Amino acid sequence: MEHLKQFKSHLLFPEDRRLRIEGPVPPETLQHLNMHPDLDAFRRPGDQHEALVEIAGLSEGRIIAARDGDTIVGYVTFHYPEEQERWSQGSMEDLIELGAIEVADDYRSLGLGQKMIKTAFEDGQMEGYIVFTTEYYWHWDLQGSGLSVWDYRKMMERLMKVVDMEWYATDDPEICSHPANCLMVRIGSQVPLSSQEQFDRIRFQQRFMY
């Protein structure tokens, strides 16, 4: 499957700052950018920078970045599901995971998350994919945000809904392990019915005999 990537770039001027939202950013460009030291939700900033470069080099990989000058202050990743996850079963070429979204502390509440996600979906780039994200409360910055687990969940749902991602049911044990965890999905207009049915079989795997 050929993965359509259309580079988009937008300038923003929130609170007298000059920020750029762009992507999918190629790996050679990412290599010359710096990571903001607060981008440490998933791993140390240097290690996360290496991960972004690696994802950008994948045929299906996409990095949408927010940057202040040459410093990355936010990013969203898109890639195939990890091999150990149930979502990789069947090796679906048109199933893409929105894997991570992170914004540095000083740049939150500027709408960067929404703008990055919208940029990824611009001009129908994702219409040929089922895009999903798994939200786990243990990845959320509850302490830094001051939000309850349920308010944070509502915030993440609002964020994903800017590109019409919706809550989907599943019997995945990790998601079912806490009621705040959830699966959000957007099925592109060009996704064939066969892929939608295959995704349904992946979502629900428990078969109860009566």
N, C-alpha and C. Protein backbone atom coordinates (compact mmCIF):
# COMPACT_ATOMS: atom_id res chain seq x y z
N MET A 1 0.84 -1.19 0.00
CA MET A 1 0.00 0.00 0.00
C MET A 1 0.88 1.25 0.00
N GLU A 2 0.61 2.16 -0.93
CA GLU A 2 1.36 3.41 -0.98
C GLU A 2 0.74 4.41 -0.01
N HIS A 3 1.57 4.98 0.85
CA HIS A 3 1.08 5.88 1.88
C HIS A 3 1.21 7.33 1.42
N LEU A 4 0.07 7.97 1.26
CA LEU A 4 0.03 9.35 0.81
C LEU A 4 0.42 10.28 1.95
N LYS A 5 1.47 11.08 1.73
CA LYS A 5 1.89 12.05 2.73
C LYS A 5 1.98 13.42 2.06
N GLN A 6 1.15 14.34 2.50
CA GLN A 6 1.14 15.70 1.96
C GLN A 6 1.61 16.65 3.06
N PHE A 7 2.79 17.23 2.85
CA PHE A 7 3.36 18.12 3.86
C PHE A 7 2.53 19.39 3.98
N LYS A 8 2.20 19.74 5.22
CA LYS A 8 1.44 20.95 5.50
C LYS A 8 2.19 21.77 6.55
N SER A 9 2.07 23.08 6.46
CA SER A 9 2.75 23.95 7.41
C SER A 9 1.86 25.15 7.73
N HIS A 10 1.76 25.47 9.02
CA HIS A 10 0.92 26.58 9.46
C HIS A 10 1.67 27.40 10.52
N LEU A 11 1.58 28.71 10.39
CA LEU A 11 2.14 29.60 11.41
C LEU A 11 1.04 30.01 12.38
N LEU A 12 1.37 29.98 13.67
CA LEU A 12 0.44 30.42 14.70
C LEU A 12 1.12 31.52 15.52
N PHE A 13 0.29 32.44 16.02
CA PHE A 13 0.83 33.53 16.84
C PHE A 13 0.06 33.65 18.15
N PRO A 14 0.03 32.57 18.94
CA PRO A 14 -0.69 32.64 20.22
C PRO A 14 0.14 33.38 21.27
N GLU A 15 -0.51 34.29 21.98
CA GLU A 15 0.14 35.01 23.09
C GLU A 15 1.50 35.60 22.67
N ASP A 16 1.50 36.22 21.50
CA ASP A 16 2.70 36.91 20.96
C ASP A 16 3.87 35.96 20.69
N ARG A 17 3.60 34.67 20.57
CA ARG A 17 4.64 33.73 20.18
C ARG A 17 4.51 33.44 18.69
N ARG A 18 5.59 33.00 18.09
CA ARG A 18 5.57 32.61 16.68
C ARG A 18 5.88 31.12 16.60
N LEU A 19 4.84 30.33 16.42
CA LEU A 19 4.98 28.88 16.42
C LEU A 19 4.62 28.32 15.06
N ARG A 20 5.20 27.19 14.73
CA ARG A 20 4.90 26.54 13.46
C ARG A 20 4.39 25.12 13.71
N ILE A 21 3.29 24.78 13.06
CA ILE A 21 2.76 23.41 13.08
C ILE A 21 3.01 22.84 11.69
N GLU A 22 3.66 21.68 11.61
CA GLU A 22 3.97 21.14 10.29
C GLU A 22 4.07 19.62 10.31
N GLY A 23 3.90 19.06 9.15
CA GLY A 23 4.06 17.62 9.00
C GLY A 23 3.29 17.08 7.82
N PRO A 24 3.50 15.80 7.49
CA PRO A 24 4.46 14.91 8.16
C PRO A 24 5.90 15.38 7.96
N VAL A 25 6.64 15.48 9.05
CA VAL A 25 8.02 15.98 9.01
C VAL A 25 8.96 14.84 8.64
N PRO A 26 9.80 15.01 7.62
CA PRO A 26 10.73 13.94 7.25
C PRO A 26 11.82 13.76 8.30
N PRO A 27 12.40 12.55 8.37
CA PRO A 27 13.39 12.26 9.42
C PRO A 27 14.61 13.18 9.37
N GLU A 28 15.05 13.54 8.16
CA GLU A 28 16.25 14.37 8.06
C GLU A 28 16.01 15.78 8.63
N THR A 29 14.77 16.25 8.58
CA THR A 29 14.45 17.55 9.19
C THR A 29 14.40 17.41 10.71
N LEU A 30 13.76 16.34 11.19
CA LEU A 30 13.65 16.12 12.64
C LEU A 30 15.02 16.02 13.30
N GLN A 31 15.98 15.42 12.60
CA GLN A 31 17.31 15.23 13.18
C GLN A 31 17.97 16.54 13.57
N HIS A 32 17.61 17.62 12.85
CA HIS A 32 18.26 18.91 13.10
C HIS A 32 17.46 19.80 14.05
N LEU A 33 16.38 19.27 14.60
CA LEU A 33 15.59 20.01 15.57
C LEU A 33 15.90 19.53 16.98
N ASN A 34 15.65 20.37 17.95
CA ASN A 34 15.87 20.03 19.36
C ASN A 34 14.54 19.68 20.02
N MET A 35 14.61 18.86 21.06
CA MET A 35 13.42 18.52 21.84
C MET A 35 13.34 19.41 23.07
N HIS A 36 12.17 19.95 23.35
CA HIS A 36 11.97 20.71 24.58
C HIS A 36 12.18 19.75 25.76
N PRO A 37 12.88 20.19 26.81
CA PRO A 37 13.19 19.28 27.93
C PRO A 37 11.96 18.78 28.69
N ASP A 38 10.82 19.46 28.54
CA ASP A 38 9.61 19.01 29.23
C ASP A 38 8.89 17.88 28.51
N LEU A 39 9.33 17.53 27.31
CA LEU A 39 8.66 16.45 26.56
C LEU A 39 9.19 15.11 27.05
N ASP A 40 8.72 14.70 28.22
CA ASP A 40 9.26 13.50 28.87
C ASP A 40 8.16 12.58 29.38
N ALA A 41 6.96 12.70 28.81
CA ALA A 41 5.83 11.88 29.30
C ALA A 41 6.03 10.40 29.02
N PHE A 42 6.70 10.07 27.93
CA PHE A 42 6.82 8.67 27.52
C PHE A 42 8.24 8.12 27.72
N ARG A 43 9.23 8.98 27.52
CA ARG A 43 10.63 8.60 27.75
C ARG A 43 11.44 9.88 27.83
N ARG A 44 12.72 9.76 28.11
CA ARG A 44 13.56 10.95 28.21
C ARG A 44 13.56 11.69 26.88
N PRO A 45 13.63 13.04 26.89
CA PRO A 45 13.52 13.80 25.65
C PRO A 45 14.47 13.35 24.54
N GLY A 46 15.72 13.04 24.89
CA GLY A 46 16.67 12.59 23.87
C GLY A 46 16.24 11.28 23.23
N ASP A 47 15.76 10.36 24.06
CA ASP A 47 15.29 9.07 23.55
C ASP A 47 14.02 9.25 22.73
N GLN A 48 13.15 10.18 23.17
CA GLN A 48 11.92 10.43 22.41
C GLN A 48 12.25 11.05 21.06
N HIS A 49 13.25 11.90 21.02
CA HIS A 49 13.68 12.50 19.76
C HIS A 49 14.11 11.41 18.78
N GLU A 50 14.90 10.46 19.26
CA GLU A 50 15.33 9.35 18.41
C GLU A 50 14.13 8.55 17.91
N ALA A 51 13.14 8.35 18.78
CA ALA A 51 11.94 7.61 18.40
C ALA A 51 11.17 8.34 17.31
N LEU A 52 11.07 9.67 17.41
CA LEU A 52 10.36 10.44 16.40
C LEU A 52 11.05 10.33 15.04
N VAL A 53 12.36 10.40 15.05
CA VAL A 53 13.12 10.27 13.79
C VAL A 53 12.89 8.89 13.17
N GLU A 54 12.89 7.88 14.02
CA GLU A 54 12.66 6.51 13.53
C GLU A 54 11.27 6.35 12.94
N ILE A 55 10.25 6.86 13.64
CA ILE A 55 8.87 6.75 13.14
C ILE A 55 8.72 7.50 11.83
N ALA A 56 9.32 8.68 11.73
CA ALA A 56 9.21 9.48 10.50
C ALA A 56 9.80 8.76 9.30
N GLY A 57 10.76 7.86 9.54
CA GLY A 57 11.38 7.12 8.45
C GLY A 57 10.61 5.90 8.00
N LEU A 58 9.56 5.52 8.74
CA LEU A 58 8.74 4.38 8.35
C LEU A 58 7.86 4.74 7.17
N SER A 59 7.55 3.77 6.33
CA SER A 59 6.74 4.05 5.15
C SER A 59 5.38 4.62 5.52
N GLU A 60 4.81 4.12 6.62
CA GLU A 60 3.50 4.60 7.06
C GLU A 60 3.60 5.66 8.15
N GLY A 61 4.80 5.88 8.67
CA GLY A 61 4.98 6.75 9.83
C GLY A 61 4.77 8.22 9.51
N ARG A 62 4.19 8.92 10.46
CA ARG A 62 3.96 10.37 10.32
C ARG A 62 4.23 11.03 11.66
N ILE A 63 4.98 12.12 11.60
CA ILE A 63 5.18 12.97 12.77
C ILE A 63 4.66 14.37 12.42
N ILE A 64 3.70 14.84 13.19
CA ILE A 64 3.25 16.22 13.10
C ILE A 64 3.86 16.94 14.28
N ALA A 65 4.59 18.03 14.03
CA ALA A 65 5.32 18.70 15.10
C ALA A 65 4.87 20.15 15.25
N ALA A 66 4.93 20.62 16.48
CA ALA A 66 4.79 22.04 16.78
C ALA A 66 6.17 22.50 17.24
N ARG A 67 6.66 23.57 16.65
CA ARG A 67 8.00 24.01 17.05
C ARG A 67 8.06 25.52 17.25
N ASP A 68 8.93 25.89 18.16
CA ASP A 68 9.24 27.28 18.46
C ASP A 68 10.68 27.47 18.01
N GLY A 69 10.85 28.09 16.85
CA GLY A 69 12.18 28.14 16.26
C GLY A 69 12.62 26.74 15.87
N ASP A 70 13.77 26.31 16.39
CA ASP A 70 14.28 24.97 16.10
C ASP A 70 13.99 23.98 17.22
N THR A 71 13.09 24.32 18.12
CA THR A 71 12.78 23.46 19.25
C THR A 71 11.38 22.87 19.11
N ILE A 72 11.30 21.55 19.14
CA ILE A 72 10.01 20.87 19.11
C ILE A 72 9.34 21.05 20.47
N VAL A 73 8.13 21.63 20.47
CA VAL A 73 7.41 21.85 21.73
C VAL A 73 6.15 20.99 21.81
N GLY A 74 5.87 20.23 20.76
CA GLY A 74 4.74 19.32 20.75
C GLY A 74 4.82 18.41 19.55
N TYR A 75 4.18 17.25 19.63
CA TYR A 75 4.21 16.32 18.51
C TYR A 75 3.04 15.35 18.61
N VAL A 76 2.69 14.80 17.46
CA VAL A 76 1.73 13.70 17.36
C VAL A 76 2.36 12.64 16.48
N THR A 77 2.25 11.38 16.88
CA THR A 77 2.82 10.29 16.09
C THR A 77 1.71 9.41 15.49
N PHE A 78 1.96 8.94 14.28
CA PHE A 78 1.08 7.98 13.61
C PHE A 78 1.95 6.86 13.06
N HIS A 79 1.53 5.60 13.29
CA HIS A 79 2.32 4.47 12.82
C HIS A 79 1.46 3.20 12.93
N TYR A 80 1.98 2.12 12.39
CA TYR A 80 1.29 0.85 12.57
C TYR A 80 1.34 0.44 14.04
N PRO A 81 0.35 -0.33 14.51
CA PRO A 81 0.36 -0.78 15.91
C PRO A 81 1.60 -1.63 16.21
N GLU A 82 2.01 -1.59 17.47
CA GLU A 82 3.13 -2.41 17.91
C GLU A 82 2.78 -3.89 17.76
N GLU A 83 3.80 -4.70 17.48
CA GLU A 83 3.57 -6.13 17.20
C GLU A 83 2.92 -6.86 18.37
N GLN A 84 3.23 -6.44 19.60
CA GLN A 84 2.71 -7.15 20.77
C GLN A 84 1.26 -6.77 21.08
N GLU A 85 0.71 -5.77 20.40
CA GLU A 85 -0.66 -5.35 20.65
C GLU A 85 -1.63 -6.13 19.78
N ARG A 86 -2.84 -6.33 20.27
CA ARG A 86 -3.85 -7.06 19.50
C ARG A 86 -4.16 -6.35 18.18
N TRP A 87 -3.98 -5.01 18.15
CA TRP A 87 -4.36 -4.23 16.97
C TRP A 87 -3.49 -4.54 15.76
N SER A 88 -2.36 -5.21 15.99
CA SER A 88 -1.49 -5.57 14.87
C SER A 88 -1.90 -6.88 14.21
N GLN A 89 -2.86 -7.59 14.80
CA GLN A 89 -3.28 -8.87 14.25
C GLN A 89 -3.88 -8.68 12.86
N GLY A 90 -3.47 -9.54 11.95
CA GLY A 90 -3.96 -9.42 10.58
C GLY A 90 -3.12 -8.50 9.73
N SER A 91 -2.16 -7.78 10.36
CA SER A 91 -1.26 -6.89 9.62
C SER A 91 -2.01 -6.01 8.62
N MET A 92 -3.04 -5.35 9.10
CA MET A 92 -3.85 -4.50 8.24
C MET A 92 -3.04 -3.29 7.76
N GLU A 93 -2.95 -3.13 6.43
CA GLU A 93 -2.19 -2.00 5.88
C GLU A 93 -2.91 -0.68 6.07
N ASP A 94 -4.23 -0.73 6.25
CA ASP A 94 -4.98 0.52 6.36
C ASP A 94 -5.47 0.79 7.79
N LEU A 95 -4.80 0.20 8.78
CA LEU A 95 -5.09 0.47 10.19
C LEU A 95 -3.89 1.19 10.79
N ILE A 96 -4.06 2.45 11.15
CA ILE A 96 -2.98 3.29 11.65
C ILE A 96 -3.30 3.76 13.07
N GLU A 97 -2.30 3.71 13.93
CA GLU A 97 -2.48 4.15 15.31
C GLU A 97 -1.98 5.57 15.51
N LEU A 98 -2.82 6.40 16.10
CA LEU A 98 -2.35 7.67 16.63
C LEU A 98 -1.71 7.30 17.97
N GLY A 99 -0.39 7.20 17.97
CA GLY A 99 0.28 6.57 19.08
C GLY A 99 0.53 7.45 20.28
N ALA A 100 0.92 8.70 20.05
CA ALA A 100 1.26 9.58 21.16
C ALA A 100 0.99 11.02 20.77
N ILE A 101 0.58 11.79 21.74
CA ILE A 101 0.45 13.24 21.58
C ILE A 101 0.97 13.87 22.85
N GLU A 102 1.83 14.87 22.70
CA GLU A 102 2.44 15.51 23.85
C GLU A 102 2.74 16.96 23.53
N VAL A 103 2.51 17.83 24.51
CA VAL A 103 2.82 19.25 24.38
C VAL A 103 3.58 19.67 25.63
N ALA A 104 4.67 20.43 25.45
CA ALA A 104 5.46 20.90 26.59
C ALA A 104 4.61 21.78 27.51
N ASP A 105 4.92 21.75 28.80
CA ASP A 105 4.09 22.41 29.82
C ASP A 105 3.80 23.87 29.49
N ASP A 106 4.83 24.62 29.10
CA ASP A 106 4.66 26.06 28.87
C ASP A 106 3.85 26.38 27.62
N TYR A 107 3.53 25.37 26.83
CA TYR A 107 2.83 25.60 25.56
C TYR A 107 1.43 24.98 25.56
N ARG A 108 1.00 24.54 26.73
CA ARG A 108 -0.34 23.98 26.81
C ARG A 108 -1.39 25.10 26.84
N SER A 109 -2.62 24.73 26.56
CA SER A 109 -3.74 25.67 26.53
C SER A 109 -3.62 26.68 25.39
N LEU A 110 -2.81 26.36 24.38
CA LEU A 110 -2.69 27.23 23.20
C LEU A 110 -3.37 26.61 21.98
N GLY A 111 -4.00 25.45 22.17
CA GLY A 111 -4.67 24.79 21.06
C GLY A 111 -3.75 24.02 20.13
N LEU A 112 -2.51 23.76 20.58
CA LEU A 112 -1.55 23.09 19.71
C LEU A 112 -1.95 21.64 19.40
N GLY A 113 -2.50 20.96 20.41
CA GLY A 113 -2.91 19.57 20.19
C GLY A 113 -3.95 19.46 19.09
N GLN A 114 -4.97 20.29 19.15
CA GLN A 114 -6.02 20.28 18.13
C GLN A 114 -5.45 20.61 16.76
N LYS A 115 -4.59 21.62 16.71
CA LYS A 115 -4.04 22.05 15.42
C LYS A 115 -3.15 20.96 14.81
N MET A 116 -2.37 20.28 15.63
CA MET A 116 -1.51 19.22 15.11
C MET A 116 -2.34 18.08 14.54
N ILE A 117 -3.38 17.67 15.28
CA ILE A 117 -4.21 16.58 14.80
C ILE A 117 -4.94 16.96 13.52
N LYS A 118 -5.48 18.16 13.47
CA LYS A 118 -6.17 18.61 12.25
C LYS A 118 -5.22 18.63 11.06
N THR A 119 -3.98 19.05 11.29
CA THR A 119 -3.00 19.10 10.20
C THR A 119 -2.75 17.71 9.62
N ALA A 120 -2.74 16.70 10.47
CA ALA A 120 -2.51 15.33 10.00
C ALA A 120 -3.60 14.86 9.04
N PHE A 121 -4.82 15.37 9.22
CA PHE A 121 -5.96 14.89 8.44
C PHE A 121 -6.31 15.82 7.28
N GLU A 122 -5.52 16.85 7.07
CA GLU A 122 -5.84 17.84 6.03
C GLU A 122 -5.89 17.22 4.64
N ASP A 123 -6.78 17.77 3.81
CA ASP A 123 -6.89 17.41 2.39
C ASP A 123 -7.10 15.92 2.18
N GLY A 124 -7.81 15.27 3.08
CA GLY A 124 -8.20 13.88 2.87
C GLY A 124 -7.06 12.88 2.96
N GLN A 125 -5.94 13.26 3.60
CA GLN A 125 -4.79 12.36 3.67
C GLN A 125 -5.10 11.03 4.35
N MET A 126 -6.06 11.04 5.28
CA MET A 126 -6.32 9.85 6.08
C MET A 126 -7.62 9.16 5.71
N GLU A 127 -8.21 9.52 4.59
CA GLU A 127 -9.50 8.92 4.23
C GLU A 127 -9.38 7.44 3.89
N GLY A 128 -8.18 6.98 3.56
CA GLY A 128 -7.99 5.58 3.23
C GLY A 128 -7.64 4.70 4.42
N TYR A 129 -7.70 5.28 5.63
CA TYR A 129 -7.27 4.56 6.83
C TYR A 129 -8.36 4.50 7.90
N ILE A 130 -8.29 3.43 8.69
CA ILE A 130 -8.93 3.42 10.00
C ILE A 130 -7.87 3.93 10.97
N VAL A 131 -8.11 5.07 11.58
CA VAL A 131 -7.17 5.64 12.54
C VAL A 131 -7.75 5.44 13.94
N PHE A 132 -6.95 4.89 14.83
CA PHE A 132 -7.42 4.65 16.19
C PHE A 132 -6.39 5.14 17.20
N THR A 133 -6.87 5.40 18.40
CA THR A 133 -5.97 5.69 19.51
C THR A 133 -6.51 5.02 20.76
N THR A 134 -5.61 4.49 21.56
CA THR A 134 -5.98 3.88 22.83
C THR A 134 -5.60 4.84 23.94
N GLU A 135 -6.57 5.24 24.73
CA GLU A 135 -6.32 6.19 25.82
C GLU A 135 -6.27 5.42 27.14
N TYR A 136 -5.11 5.50 27.80
CA TYR A 136 -4.92 4.85 29.09
C TYR A 136 -4.65 5.91 30.15
N TYR A 137 -5.39 5.86 31.25
CA TYR A 137 -5.29 6.94 32.23
C TYR A 137 -3.90 7.05 32.84
N TRP A 138 -3.12 5.95 32.84
CA TRP A 138 -1.80 6.01 33.47
C TRP A 138 -0.80 6.80 32.62
N HIS A 139 -1.17 7.16 31.40
CA HIS A 139 -0.31 8.03 30.58
C HIS A 139 -0.66 9.50 30.75
N TRP A 140 -1.75 9.80 31.45
CA TRP A 140 -2.23 11.17 31.53
C TRP A 140 -1.52 11.94 32.63
N ASP A 141 -1.29 13.22 32.38
CA ASP A 141 -0.62 14.08 33.35
C ASP A 141 -1.67 14.65 34.30
N LEU A 142 -2.18 13.83 35.18
CA LEU A 142 -3.22 14.25 36.10
C LEU A 142 -2.68 15.27 37.11
N GLN A 143 -1.45 15.05 37.55
CA GLN A 143 -0.87 15.96 38.55
C GLN A 143 -0.60 17.33 37.94
N GLY A 144 0.04 17.34 36.77
CA GLY A 144 0.38 18.62 36.15
C GLY A 144 -0.83 19.41 35.69
N SER A 145 -1.86 18.69 35.24
CA SER A 145 -3.05 19.36 34.73
C SER A 145 -4.02 19.77 35.83
N GLY A 146 -3.95 19.07 36.97
CA GLY A 146 -4.88 19.33 38.05
C GLY A 146 -6.28 18.80 37.79
N LEU A 147 -6.41 17.98 36.73
CA LEU A 147 -7.72 17.44 36.37
C LEU A 147 -7.95 16.09 37.04
N SER A 148 -9.22 15.78 37.27
CA SER A 148 -9.56 14.44 37.71
C SER A 148 -9.44 13.49 36.53
N VAL A 149 -9.41 12.20 36.82
CA VAL A 149 -9.28 11.23 35.73
C VAL A 149 -10.44 11.35 34.75
N TRP A 150 -11.63 11.69 35.24
CA TRP A 150 -12.79 11.79 34.34
C TRP A 150 -12.78 13.07 33.53
N ASP A 151 -12.30 14.16 34.13
CA ASP A 151 -12.19 15.41 33.37
C ASP A 151 -11.10 15.30 32.30
N TYR A 152 -10.02 14.57 32.63
CA TYR A 152 -8.96 14.37 31.64
C TYR A 152 -9.48 13.52 30.49
N ARG A 153 -10.25 12.50 30.82
CA ARG A 153 -10.86 11.67 29.78
C ARG A 153 -11.74 12.51 28.86
N LYS A 154 -12.56 13.39 29.43
CA LYS A 154 -13.41 14.25 28.62
C LYS A 154 -12.58 15.17 27.73
N MET A 155 -11.47 15.67 28.27
CA MET A 155 -10.58 16.54 27.49
C MET A 155 -10.00 15.78 26.29
N MET A 156 -9.57 14.53 26.51
CA MET A 156 -9.00 13.74 25.42
C MET A 156 -10.07 13.42 24.37
N GLU A 157 -11.29 13.14 24.81
CA GLU A 157 -12.36 12.87 23.85
C GLU A 157 -12.64 14.11 23.01
N ARG A 158 -12.69 15.28 23.63
CA ARG A 158 -12.91 16.52 22.88
C ARG A 158 -11.80 16.74 21.87
N LEU A 159 -10.56 16.44 22.28
CA LEU A 159 -9.42 16.62 21.40
C LEU A 159 -9.55 15.73 20.16
N MET A 160 -9.88 14.46 20.36
CA MET A 160 -9.97 13.54 19.23
C MET A 160 -11.18 13.82 18.34
N LYS A 161 -12.20 14.42 18.91
CA LYS A 161 -13.40 14.69 18.13
C LYS A 161 -13.22 15.83 17.12
N VAL A 162 -12.11 16.57 17.20
CA VAL A 162 -11.88 17.64 16.23
C VAL A 162 -11.67 17.06 14.83
N VAL A 163 -11.32 15.77 14.74
CA VAL A 163 -11.22 15.10 13.44
C VAL A 163 -12.24 13.96 13.36
N ASP A 164 -13.30 14.07 14.16
CA ASP A 164 -14.44 13.13 14.12
C ASP A 164 -14.08 11.72 14.58
N MET A 165 -13.08 11.60 15.44
CA MET A 165 -12.84 10.30 16.07
C MET A 165 -13.93 10.07 17.11
N GLU A 166 -14.38 8.83 17.22
CA GLU A 166 -15.49 8.49 18.11
C GLU A 166 -15.09 7.36 19.05
N TRP A 167 -15.79 7.31 20.18
CA TRP A 167 -15.60 6.21 21.13
C TRP A 167 -16.13 4.92 20.52
N TYR A 168 -15.33 3.84 20.59
CA TYR A 168 -15.73 2.52 20.10
C TYR A 168 -15.59 1.51 21.23
N ALA A 169 -16.51 0.60 21.31
CA ALA A 169 -16.45 -0.47 22.31
C ALA A 169 -15.42 -1.52 21.90
N THR A 170 -14.86 -2.20 22.90
CA THR A 170 -13.91 -3.28 22.65
C THR A 170 -13.84 -4.15 23.90
N ASP A 171 -13.39 -5.37 23.73
CA ASP A 171 -13.16 -6.22 24.90
C ASP A 171 -11.66 -6.39 25.19
N ASP A 172 -10.84 -5.47 24.66
CA ASP A 172 -9.41 -5.51 24.92
C ASP A 172 -9.16 -5.41 26.42
N PRO A 173 -8.42 -6.37 27.01
CA PRO A 173 -8.25 -6.39 28.47
C PRO A 173 -7.63 -5.14 29.05
N GLU A 174 -6.63 -4.56 28.36
CA GLU A 174 -5.99 -3.36 28.90
C GLU A 174 -6.97 -2.19 28.97
N ILE A 175 -7.75 -2.02 27.92
CA ILE A 175 -8.72 -0.93 27.91
C ILE A 175 -9.81 -1.19 28.95
N CYS A 176 -10.22 -2.44 29.08
CA CYS A 176 -11.27 -2.78 30.03
C CYS A 176 -10.80 -2.78 31.48
N SER A 177 -9.49 -2.64 31.70
CA SER A 177 -8.96 -2.73 33.05
C SER A 177 -9.31 -1.52 33.91
N HIS A 178 -9.73 -0.41 33.27
CA HIS A 178 -10.16 0.76 34.04
C HIS A 178 -11.24 1.48 33.23
N PRO A 179 -12.32 1.92 33.86
CA PRO A 179 -13.43 2.51 33.10
C PRO A 179 -13.10 3.83 32.42
N ALA A 180 -12.00 4.50 32.82
CA ALA A 180 -11.63 5.75 32.15
C ALA A 180 -10.87 5.50 30.85
N ASN A 181 -10.28 4.32 30.70
CA ASN A 181 -9.58 3.99 29.46
C ASN A 181 -10.59 3.91 28.32
N CYS A 182 -10.15 4.21 27.11
CA CYS A 182 -11.09 4.12 25.99
C CYS A 182 -10.37 3.95 24.66
N LEU A 183 -11.14 3.52 23.69
CA LEU A 183 -10.69 3.37 22.30
C LEU A 183 -11.43 4.41 21.47
N MET A 184 -10.67 5.24 20.75
CA MET A 184 -11.25 6.25 19.87
C MET A 184 -10.86 5.90 18.43
N VAL A 185 -11.81 6.02 17.51
CA VAL A 185 -11.61 5.53 16.14
C VAL A 185 -12.21 6.51 15.13
N ARG A 186 -11.55 6.63 14.00
CA ARG A 186 -12.12 7.32 12.84
C ARG A 186 -11.92 6.41 11.63
N ILE A 187 -13.02 6.09 10.96
CA ILE A 187 -12.97 5.26 9.76
C ILE A 187 -13.08 6.17 8.55
N GLY A 188 -12.02 6.21 7.74
CA GLY A 188 -11.99 7.08 6.58
C GLY A 188 -13.03 6.70 5.54
N SER A 189 -13.43 7.67 4.73
CA SER A 189 -14.50 7.46 3.76
C SER A 189 -14.12 6.49 2.65
N GLN A 190 -12.81 6.22 2.47
CA GLN A 190 -12.36 5.32 1.41
C GLN A 190 -11.97 3.93 1.93
N VAL A 191 -12.24 3.68 3.20
CA VAL A 191 -11.90 2.37 3.77
C VAL A 191 -12.93 1.34 3.33
N PRO A 192 -12.51 0.22 2.73
CA PRO A 192 -13.47 -0.79 2.26
C PRO A 192 -14.17 -1.49 3.42
N LEU A 193 -15.34 -2.03 3.14
CA LEU A 193 -16.12 -2.73 4.16
C LEU A 193 -15.34 -3.91 4.72
N SER A 194 -14.55 -4.57 3.90
CA SER A 194 -13.78 -5.73 4.36
C SER A 194 -12.82 -5.35 5.48
N SER A 195 -12.21 -4.16 5.39
CA SER A 195 -11.30 -3.70 6.44
C SER A 195 -12.07 -3.34 7.71
N GLN A 196 -13.25 -2.75 7.54
CA GLN A 196 -14.06 -2.41 8.69
C GLN A 196 -14.47 -3.67 9.45
N GLU A 197 -14.84 -4.71 8.70
CA GLU A 197 -15.23 -5.97 9.33
C GLU A 197 -14.04 -6.64 10.02
N GLN A 198 -12.88 -6.56 9.41
CA GLN A 198 -11.68 -7.14 10.03
C GLN A 198 -11.35 -6.41 11.33
N PHE A 199 -11.50 -5.09 11.33
CA PHE A 199 -11.25 -4.31 12.53
C PHE A 199 -12.24 -4.69 13.64
N ASP A 200 -13.49 -4.94 13.27
CA ASP A 200 -14.48 -5.38 14.25
C ASP A 200 -14.08 -6.70 14.89
N ARG A 201 -13.51 -7.60 14.10
CA ARG A 201 -13.07 -8.90 14.64
C ARG A 201 -11.88 -8.72 15.59
N ILE A 202 -11.07 -7.72 15.34
CA ILE A 202 -9.95 -7.44 16.24
C ILE A 202 -10.45 -6.80 17.54
N ARG A 203 -11.45 -5.92 17.43
CA ARG A 203 -11.98 -5.24 18.62
C ARG A 203 -12.61 -6.21 19.60
N PHE A 204 -13.31 -7.21 19.06
CA PHE A 204 -14.02 -8.17 19.90
C PHE A 204 -13.51 -9.57 19.65
N GLN A 205 -12.88 -10.16 20.66
CA GLN A 205 -12.29 -11.48 20.49
C GLN A 205 -12.80 -12.48 21.53
N GLN A 206 -13.53 -12.00 22.53
CA GLN A 206 -14.06 -12.93 23.55
C GLN A 206 -15.33 -13.56 23.00
N ARG A 207 -15.35 -14.86 23.00
CA ARG A 207 -16.53 -15.59 22.54
C ARG A 207 -17.07 -16.42 23.69
N PHE A 208 -18.25 -16.10 24.14
CA PHE A 208 -18.81 -16.80 25.28
C PHE A 208 -19.78 -17.88 24.81
N MET A 209 -19.65 -19.06 25.40
CA MET A 209 -20.53 -20.19 25.06
C MET A 209 -21.63 -20.31 26.13
N TYR A 210 -22.85 -20.47 25.68
CA TYR A 210 -23.97 -20.58 26.62
C TYR A 210 -24.63 -21.96 26.46
